[in-house]
Amino acid sequence: MIGELLSGMAHSSGPGFVGVSLIFIYLAWILVIGCIRVKEAMDEDHH
């Protein structure tokens, strides 16, 4: 699936290339924030 996106991105127009790049950045941001939240939750004191 990611290979198809990258292949399509390589053959797309300028705006399409930018759009797919922004999608990848957004997904990476979601993963980073999710990992940070999980780490914070694990470090919390449980009583």
N, C-alpha and C. Protein backbone atom coordinates (compact mmCIF):
# COMPACT_ATOMS: atom_id res chain seq x y z
N MET A 1 0.82 -1.19 0.00
CA MET A 1 0.00 0.00 0.00
C MET A 1 0.87 1.25 0.00
N ILE A 2 1.87 1.30 0.86
CA ILE A 2 2.75 2.46 0.90
C ILE A 2 3.55 2.56 -0.40
N GLY A 3 3.93 1.40 -0.95
CA GLY A 3 4.64 1.39 -2.21
C GLY A 3 3.82 2.00 -3.34
N GLU A 4 2.51 1.72 -3.34
CA GLU A 4 1.63 2.30 -4.35
C GLU A 4 1.54 3.81 -4.17
N LEU A 5 1.46 4.28 -2.93
CA LEU A 5 1.43 5.72 -2.69
C LEU A 5 2.71 6.39 -3.18
N LEU A 6 3.85 5.77 -2.86
CA LEU A 6 5.12 6.35 -3.29
C LEU A 6 5.26 6.33 -4.80
N SER A 7 4.81 5.26 -5.44
CA SER A 7 4.85 5.18 -6.89
C SER A 7 3.95 6.23 -7.52
N GLY A 8 2.75 6.35 -6.99
CA GLY A 8 1.82 7.38 -7.48
C GLY A 8 2.35 8.77 -7.25
N MET A 9 3.00 8.98 -6.11
CA MET A 9 3.56 10.28 -5.78
C MET A 9 4.66 10.66 -6.78
N ALA A 10 5.46 9.67 -7.19
CA ALA A 10 6.55 9.94 -8.12
C ALA A 10 6.03 10.32 -9.50
N HIS A 11 4.83 9.85 -9.86
CA HIS A 11 4.28 10.11 -11.18
C HIS A 11 3.22 11.20 -11.17
N SER A 12 3.01 11.85 -10.04
CA SER A 12 1.92 12.82 -9.93
C SER A 12 2.40 14.23 -10.24
N SER A 13 1.46 15.12 -10.28
CA SER A 13 1.76 16.54 -10.50
C SER A 13 2.34 17.15 -9.22
N GLY A 14 2.72 18.39 -9.30
CA GLY A 14 3.28 19.09 -8.14
C GLY A 14 2.35 19.10 -6.95
N PRO A 15 1.08 19.55 -7.14
CA PRO A 15 0.16 19.56 -6.01
C PRO A 15 -0.10 18.16 -5.44
N GLY A 16 -0.13 17.14 -6.29
CA GLY A 16 -0.32 15.77 -5.81
C GLY A 16 0.85 15.32 -4.97
N PHE A 17 2.05 15.66 -5.40
CA PHE A 17 3.27 15.32 -4.66
C PHE A 17 3.24 15.98 -3.28
N VAL A 18 2.87 17.24 -3.25
CA VAL A 18 2.80 17.97 -1.97
C VAL A 18 1.73 17.35 -1.07
N GLY A 19 0.58 17.00 -1.65
CA GLY A 19 -0.50 16.42 -0.86
C GLY A 19 -0.11 15.10 -0.22
N VAL A 20 0.52 14.22 -0.99
CA VAL A 20 0.94 12.93 -0.44
C VAL A 20 2.02 13.13 0.61
N SER A 21 2.93 14.07 0.38
CA SER A 21 3.97 14.36 1.37
C SER A 21 3.36 14.84 2.68
N LEU A 22 2.35 15.69 2.58
CA LEU A 22 1.69 16.19 3.80
C LEU A 22 0.94 15.07 4.52
N ILE A 23 0.38 14.13 3.77
CA ILE A 23 -0.29 12.99 4.40
C ILE A 23 0.72 12.17 5.20
N PHE A 24 1.91 11.92 4.62
CA PHE A 24 2.93 11.16 5.34
C PHE A 24 3.39 11.90 6.59
N ILE A 25 3.56 13.22 6.49
CA ILE A 25 3.97 14.02 7.65
C ILE A 25 2.89 13.95 8.73
N TYR A 26 1.63 14.05 8.34
CA TYR A 26 0.52 13.99 9.29
C TYR A 26 0.48 12.65 10.00
N LEU A 27 0.63 11.56 9.25
CA LEU A 27 0.62 10.23 9.86
C LEU A 27 1.80 10.05 10.81
N ALA A 28 2.96 10.56 10.43
CA ALA A 28 4.13 10.47 11.31
C ALA A 28 3.87 11.27 12.60
N TRP A 29 3.25 12.43 12.47
CA TRP A 29 2.94 13.27 13.64
C TRP A 29 1.98 12.54 14.58
N ILE A 30 0.96 11.89 14.03
CA ILE A 30 0.01 11.13 14.84
C ILE A 30 0.73 10.02 15.60
N LEU A 31 1.64 9.30 14.92
CA LEU A 31 2.37 8.22 15.59
C LEU A 31 3.27 8.76 16.71
N VAL A 32 3.95 9.86 16.45
CA VAL A 32 4.85 10.44 17.46
C VAL A 32 4.05 10.88 18.68
N ILE A 33 2.96 11.60 18.47
CA ILE A 33 2.14 12.07 19.59
C ILE A 33 1.55 10.88 20.35
N GLY A 34 1.12 9.85 19.63
CA GLY A 34 0.59 8.66 20.28
C GLY A 34 1.62 7.99 21.17
N CYS A 35 2.85 7.87 20.68
CA CYS A 35 3.91 7.26 21.48
C CYS A 35 4.22 8.09 22.72
N ILE A 36 4.21 9.40 22.56
CA ILE A 36 4.47 10.28 23.71
C ILE A 36 3.37 10.11 24.75
N ARG A 37 2.10 10.05 24.30
CA ARG A 37 0.98 9.89 25.24
C ARG A 37 1.06 8.55 25.96
N VAL A 38 1.41 7.49 25.25
CA VAL A 38 1.53 6.18 25.88
C VAL A 38 2.64 6.20 26.91
N LYS A 39 3.77 6.80 26.58
CA LYS A 39 4.89 6.87 27.53
C LYS A 39 4.48 7.66 28.77
N GLU A 40 3.79 8.79 28.59
CA GLU A 40 3.32 9.57 29.73
C GLU A 40 2.37 8.76 30.59
N ALA A 41 1.48 8.01 29.97
CA ALA A 41 0.52 7.22 30.72
C ALA A 41 1.22 6.11 31.51
N MET A 42 2.27 5.54 30.94
CA MET A 42 2.99 4.47 31.64
C MET A 42 3.82 5.02 32.79
N ASP A 43 4.27 6.28 32.67
CA ASP A 43 5.08 6.89 33.73
C ASP A 43 4.24 7.45 34.88
N GLU A 44 2.92 7.56 34.68
CA GLU A 44 2.05 8.10 35.72
C GLU A 44 2.01 7.18 36.94
N ASP A 45 1.83 7.79 38.12
CA ASP A 45 1.67 6.99 39.33
C ASP A 45 0.28 6.38 39.35
N HIS A 46 0.22 5.09 39.60
CA HIS A 46 -1.07 4.40 39.71
C HIS A 46 -1.32 4.10 41.20
N HIS A 47 -2.45 4.56 41.71
CA HIS A 47 -2.75 4.31 43.11
C HIS A 47 -4.03 3.59 43.31
